[in-house]
């Protein structure tokens, strides 16, 4: 390829296995500092998993809403983290 140094960030190594984790950590941290009591988001899977995981880590309840018509595999990423969060609607 002609590159002497090539660096690759493997987002699959994030705690939730998705690049959505990086942005969600910042969002949860910011909202907590602003005094948010509960976090909420619609999702197709990965963002909901990241929100559930980081809201739980921050001690904040999260409401995550997912369409019933979404592809089934998308649900599996979010569910384990959602158990630590307060509300999971699928």
N, C-alpha and C. Protein backbone atom coordinates (compact mmCIF):
# COMPACT_ATOMS: atom_id res chain seq x y z
N UNK A 1 0.81 -1.19 0.00
CA UNK A 1 0.00 0.00 0.00
C UNK A 1 0.86 1.26 0.00
N UNK A 2 2.14 1.14 0.24
CA UNK A 2 2.99 2.30 0.24
C UNK A 2 2.97 3.09 1.54
N UNK A 3 2.40 2.51 2.60
CA UNK A 3 2.33 3.20 3.89
C UNK A 3 3.35 2.60 4.84
N UNK A 4 4.14 3.45 5.45
CA UNK A 4 5.11 2.94 6.41
C UNK A 4 4.47 2.73 7.78
N UNK A 5 3.52 3.57 8.12
CA UNK A 5 2.82 3.45 9.40
C UNK A 5 1.32 3.53 9.15
N UNK A 6 0.64 2.49 9.51
CA UNK A 6 -0.81 2.46 9.38
C UNK A 6 -1.38 2.01 10.71
N UNK A 7 -2.23 2.84 11.30
CA UNK A 7 -2.84 2.52 12.57
C UNK A 7 -4.33 2.28 12.36
N UNK A 8 -4.84 1.25 12.97
CA UNK A 8 -6.25 0.90 12.85
C UNK A 8 -6.83 0.76 14.24
N UNK A 9 -7.96 1.38 14.47
CA UNK A 9 -8.64 1.25 15.76
C UNK A 9 -9.73 0.20 15.60
N UNK A 10 -9.63 -0.85 16.37
CA UNK A 10 -10.62 -1.93 16.32
C UNK A 10 -11.76 -1.60 17.28
N UNK A 11 -12.83 -1.04 16.75
CA UNK A 11 -13.97 -0.64 17.58
C UNK A 11 -14.68 -1.85 18.19
N UNK A 12 -14.45 -3.02 17.63
CA UNK A 12 -15.03 -4.23 18.20
C UNK A 12 -14.49 -4.57 19.57
N UNK A 13 -13.40 -3.92 19.97
CA UNK A 13 -12.83 -4.15 21.29
C UNK A 13 -13.46 -3.26 22.36
N UNK A 14 -14.33 -2.35 21.96
CA UNK A 14 -15.05 -1.53 22.94
C UNK A 14 -15.91 -2.44 23.81
N UNK A 15 -16.21 -2.04 25.03
CA UNK A 15 -17.00 -2.90 25.93
C UNK A 15 -18.31 -3.41 25.36
N UNK A 16 -18.96 -2.62 24.51
CA UNK A 16 -20.22 -3.08 23.91
C UNK A 16 -20.03 -3.65 22.51
N UNK A 17 -18.79 -3.69 22.05
CA UNK A 17 -18.49 -4.28 20.75
C UNK A 17 -18.88 -3.42 19.56
N UNK A 18 -19.08 -2.14 19.78
CA UNK A 18 -19.55 -1.27 18.71
C UNK A 18 -18.88 0.10 18.79
N UNK A 19 -18.75 0.77 17.65
CA UNK A 19 -18.21 2.13 17.66
C UNK A 19 -19.16 3.10 18.35
N UNK A 20 -20.40 2.72 18.53
CA UNK A 20 -21.38 3.58 19.19
C UNK A 20 -20.97 3.86 20.64
N UNK A 21 -20.15 2.98 21.22
CA UNK A 21 -19.74 3.14 22.62
C UNK A 21 -18.98 4.44 22.84
N UNK A 22 -18.12 4.80 21.91
CA UNK A 22 -17.28 5.98 22.09
C UNK A 22 -18.12 7.25 22.22
N UNK A 23 -19.05 7.44 21.34
CA UNK A 23 -19.91 8.62 21.42
C UNK A 23 -20.86 8.59 22.60
N UNK A 24 -21.34 7.39 22.93
CA UNK A 24 -22.31 7.29 24.01
C UNK A 24 -21.68 7.57 25.37
N UNK A 25 -20.41 7.23 25.55
CA UNK A 25 -19.75 7.55 26.81
C UNK A 25 -19.72 9.06 27.02
N UNK A 26 -19.43 9.79 25.96
CA UNK A 26 -19.41 11.26 26.05
C UNK A 26 -20.81 11.80 26.33
N UNK A 27 -21.81 11.26 25.66
CA UNK A 27 -23.18 11.74 25.84
C UNK A 27 -23.67 11.48 27.26
N UNK A 28 -23.43 10.29 27.77
CA UNK A 28 -23.88 9.95 29.13
C UNK A 28 -23.15 10.83 30.15
N UNK A 29 -21.85 10.98 29.98
CA UNK A 29 -21.08 11.82 30.91
C UNK A 29 -21.60 13.26 30.91
N UNK A 30 -21.83 13.80 29.72
CA UNK A 30 -22.31 15.19 29.61
C UNK A 30 -23.69 15.35 30.24
N UNK A 31 -24.60 14.44 29.95
CA UNK A 31 -25.95 14.55 30.48
C UNK A 31 -25.97 14.38 32.00
N UNK A 32 -25.11 13.51 32.51
CA UNK A 32 -25.02 13.35 33.96
C UNK A 32 -24.54 14.65 34.60
N UNK A 33 -23.53 15.28 34.01
CA UNK A 33 -23.02 16.56 34.53
C UNK A 33 -24.08 17.67 34.47
N UNK A 34 -24.96 17.58 33.49
CA UNK A 34 -26.03 18.57 33.35
C UNK A 34 -27.20 18.28 34.28
N UNK A 35 -27.14 17.16 35.01
CA UNK A 35 -28.17 16.84 35.99
C UNK A 35 -29.29 15.95 35.50
N UNK A 36 -29.11 15.28 34.38
CA UNK A 36 -30.15 14.39 33.87
C UNK A 36 -30.45 13.30 34.90
N UNK A 37 -31.70 12.98 35.05
CA UNK A 37 -32.12 11.93 36.00
C UNK A 37 -32.38 10.61 35.31
N UNK A 38 -32.77 10.66 34.04
CA UNK A 38 -33.05 9.48 33.24
C UNK A 38 -32.62 9.78 31.81
N UNK A 39 -32.10 8.78 31.12
CA UNK A 39 -31.70 8.93 29.72
C UNK A 39 -32.63 8.09 28.86
N UNK A 40 -32.86 8.51 27.63
CA UNK A 40 -33.76 7.78 26.73
C UNK A 40 -33.25 7.91 25.29
N UNK A 41 -33.50 6.86 24.52
CA UNK A 41 -33.10 6.89 23.11
C UNK A 41 -33.83 5.81 22.33
N UNK A 42 -34.15 6.11 21.06
CA UNK A 42 -34.60 5.06 20.15
C UNK A 42 -33.36 4.37 19.60
N UNK A 43 -33.50 3.13 19.18
CA UNK A 43 -32.34 2.41 18.67
C UNK A 43 -32.75 1.31 17.70
N UNK A 44 -31.78 0.91 16.91
CA UNK A 44 -31.92 -0.29 16.08
C UNK A 44 -31.05 -1.41 16.67
N UNK A 45 -30.32 -1.11 17.74
CA UNK A 45 -29.51 -2.14 18.39
C UNK A 45 -28.27 -1.63 19.08
N UNK A 46 -27.24 -1.26 18.33
CA UNK A 46 -25.96 -0.92 18.93
C UNK A 46 -25.98 0.32 19.81
N UNK A 47 -26.66 1.35 19.41
CA UNK A 47 -26.73 2.56 20.23
C UNK A 47 -27.46 2.28 21.53
N UNK A 48 -28.50 1.48 21.47
CA UNK A 48 -29.24 1.11 22.68
C UNK A 48 -28.39 0.30 23.64
N UNK A 49 -27.60 -0.60 23.09
CA UNK A 49 -26.71 -1.39 23.93
C UNK A 49 -25.68 -0.51 24.61
N UNK A 50 -25.14 0.44 23.87
CA UNK A 50 -24.15 1.36 24.43
C UNK A 50 -24.80 2.25 25.49
N UNK A 51 -25.99 2.78 25.22
CA UNK A 51 -26.66 3.62 26.20
C UNK A 51 -26.97 2.83 27.46
N UNK A 52 -27.50 1.63 27.32
CA UNK A 52 -27.82 0.81 28.50
C UNK A 52 -26.58 0.55 29.34
N UNK A 53 -25.48 0.20 28.69
CA UNK A 53 -24.25 -0.12 29.41
C UNK A 53 -23.69 1.09 30.15
N UNK A 54 -23.60 2.23 29.47
CA UNK A 54 -22.97 3.39 30.08
C UNK A 54 -23.90 4.12 31.04
N UNK A 55 -25.19 4.08 30.81
CA UNK A 55 -26.12 4.64 31.79
C UNK A 55 -26.06 3.83 33.08
N UNK A 56 -26.03 2.51 32.94
CA UNK A 56 -25.92 1.65 34.13
C UNK A 56 -24.63 1.93 34.88
N UNK A 57 -23.53 2.08 34.17
CA UNK A 57 -22.24 2.37 34.80
C UNK A 57 -22.27 3.72 35.51
N UNK A 58 -23.05 4.68 34.98
CA UNK A 58 -23.15 6.01 35.58
C UNK A 58 -24.21 6.06 36.67
N UNK A 59 -24.93 4.96 36.87
CA UNK A 59 -25.98 4.93 37.88
C UNK A 59 -27.24 5.66 37.48
N UNK A 60 -27.46 5.80 36.18
CA UNK A 60 -28.66 6.47 35.67
C UNK A 60 -29.59 5.47 35.01
N UNK A 61 -30.89 5.58 35.26
CA UNK A 61 -31.83 4.73 34.52
C UNK A 61 -31.89 5.16 33.06
N UNK A 62 -32.17 4.20 32.19
CA UNK A 62 -32.28 4.49 30.76
C UNK A 62 -33.53 3.83 30.20
N UNK A 63 -34.20 4.54 29.32
CA UNK A 63 -35.34 4.00 28.58
C UNK A 63 -34.87 3.83 27.15
N UNK A 64 -34.91 2.61 26.65
CA UNK A 64 -34.44 2.31 25.30
C UNK A 64 -35.60 1.71 24.52
N UNK A 65 -35.93 2.33 23.41
CA UNK A 65 -37.09 1.91 22.62
C UNK A 65 -36.60 1.38 21.28
N UNK A 66 -37.10 0.19 20.93
CA UNK A 66 -36.71 -0.46 19.69
C UNK A 66 -37.97 -0.93 18.97
N UNK A 67 -38.04 -0.69 17.68
CA UNK A 67 -39.19 -1.13 16.91
C UNK A 67 -39.31 -2.65 16.91
N UNK A 68 -40.53 -3.13 16.97
CA UNK A 68 -40.73 -4.57 16.91
C UNK A 68 -40.38 -5.13 15.54
N UNK A 69 -40.33 -4.29 14.53
CA UNK A 69 -40.06 -4.74 13.17
C UNK A 69 -38.58 -4.74 12.81
N UNK A 70 -37.71 -4.47 13.78
CA UNK A 70 -36.27 -4.46 13.50
C UNK A 70 -35.77 -5.88 13.26
N UNK A 71 -34.64 -6.02 12.61
CA UNK A 71 -34.06 -7.35 12.45
C UNK A 71 -33.71 -7.94 13.81
N UNK A 72 -34.08 -9.16 14.06
CA UNK A 72 -33.88 -9.79 15.37
C UNK A 72 -32.45 -9.75 15.88
N UNK A 73 -31.43 -9.99 15.09
CA UNK A 73 -30.07 -9.97 15.65
C UNK A 73 -29.70 -8.65 16.30
N UNK A 74 -30.31 -7.56 15.89
CA UNK A 74 -29.99 -6.26 16.45
C UNK A 74 -30.38 -6.17 17.92
N UNK A 75 -31.33 -6.97 18.38
CA UNK A 75 -31.78 -6.92 19.76
C UNK A 75 -30.75 -7.48 20.73
N UNK A 76 -29.98 -8.41 20.29
CA UNK A 76 -29.12 -9.16 21.21
C UNK A 76 -28.01 -8.31 21.78
N UNK A 77 -27.51 -7.33 21.06
CA UNK A 77 -26.44 -6.48 21.58
C UNK A 77 -26.91 -5.68 22.78
N UNK A 78 -28.10 -5.17 22.74
CA UNK A 78 -28.56 -4.26 23.78
C UNK A 78 -29.10 -4.96 25.02
N UNK A 79 -29.68 -6.12 24.87
CA UNK A 79 -30.36 -6.75 25.99
C UNK A 79 -29.52 -7.01 27.24
N UNK A 80 -28.32 -7.57 27.17
CA UNK A 80 -27.58 -7.83 28.42
C UNK A 80 -27.34 -6.57 29.24
N UNK A 81 -27.00 -5.48 28.59
CA UNK A 81 -26.78 -4.23 29.31
C UNK A 81 -28.09 -3.66 29.82
N UNK A 82 -29.15 -3.86 29.08
CA UNK A 82 -30.45 -3.31 29.46
C UNK A 82 -30.96 -3.91 30.75
N UNK A 83 -30.55 -5.11 31.07
CA UNK A 83 -30.99 -5.71 32.32
C UNK A 83 -30.52 -4.90 33.52
N UNK A 84 -29.39 -4.19 33.35
CA UNK A 84 -28.88 -3.35 34.43
C UNK A 84 -29.52 -1.97 34.40
N UNK A 85 -30.23 -1.68 33.35
CA UNK A 85 -30.89 -0.39 33.22
C UNK A 85 -32.34 -0.56 33.65
N UNK A 86 -33.10 0.52 33.72
CA UNK A 86 -34.42 0.40 34.31
C UNK A 86 -35.51 -0.06 33.34
N UNK A 87 -35.46 0.33 32.11
CA UNK A 87 -36.56 0.02 31.20
C UNK A 87 -36.05 -0.47 29.86
N UNK A 88 -36.62 -1.53 29.39
CA UNK A 88 -36.28 -2.07 28.07
C UNK A 88 -37.58 -2.34 27.36
N UNK A 89 -37.80 -1.67 26.25
CA UNK A 89 -39.03 -1.88 25.48
C UNK A 89 -38.66 -2.38 24.10
N UNK A 90 -39.10 -3.57 23.77
CA UNK A 90 -38.83 -4.10 22.44
C UNK A 90 -40.09 -4.72 21.89
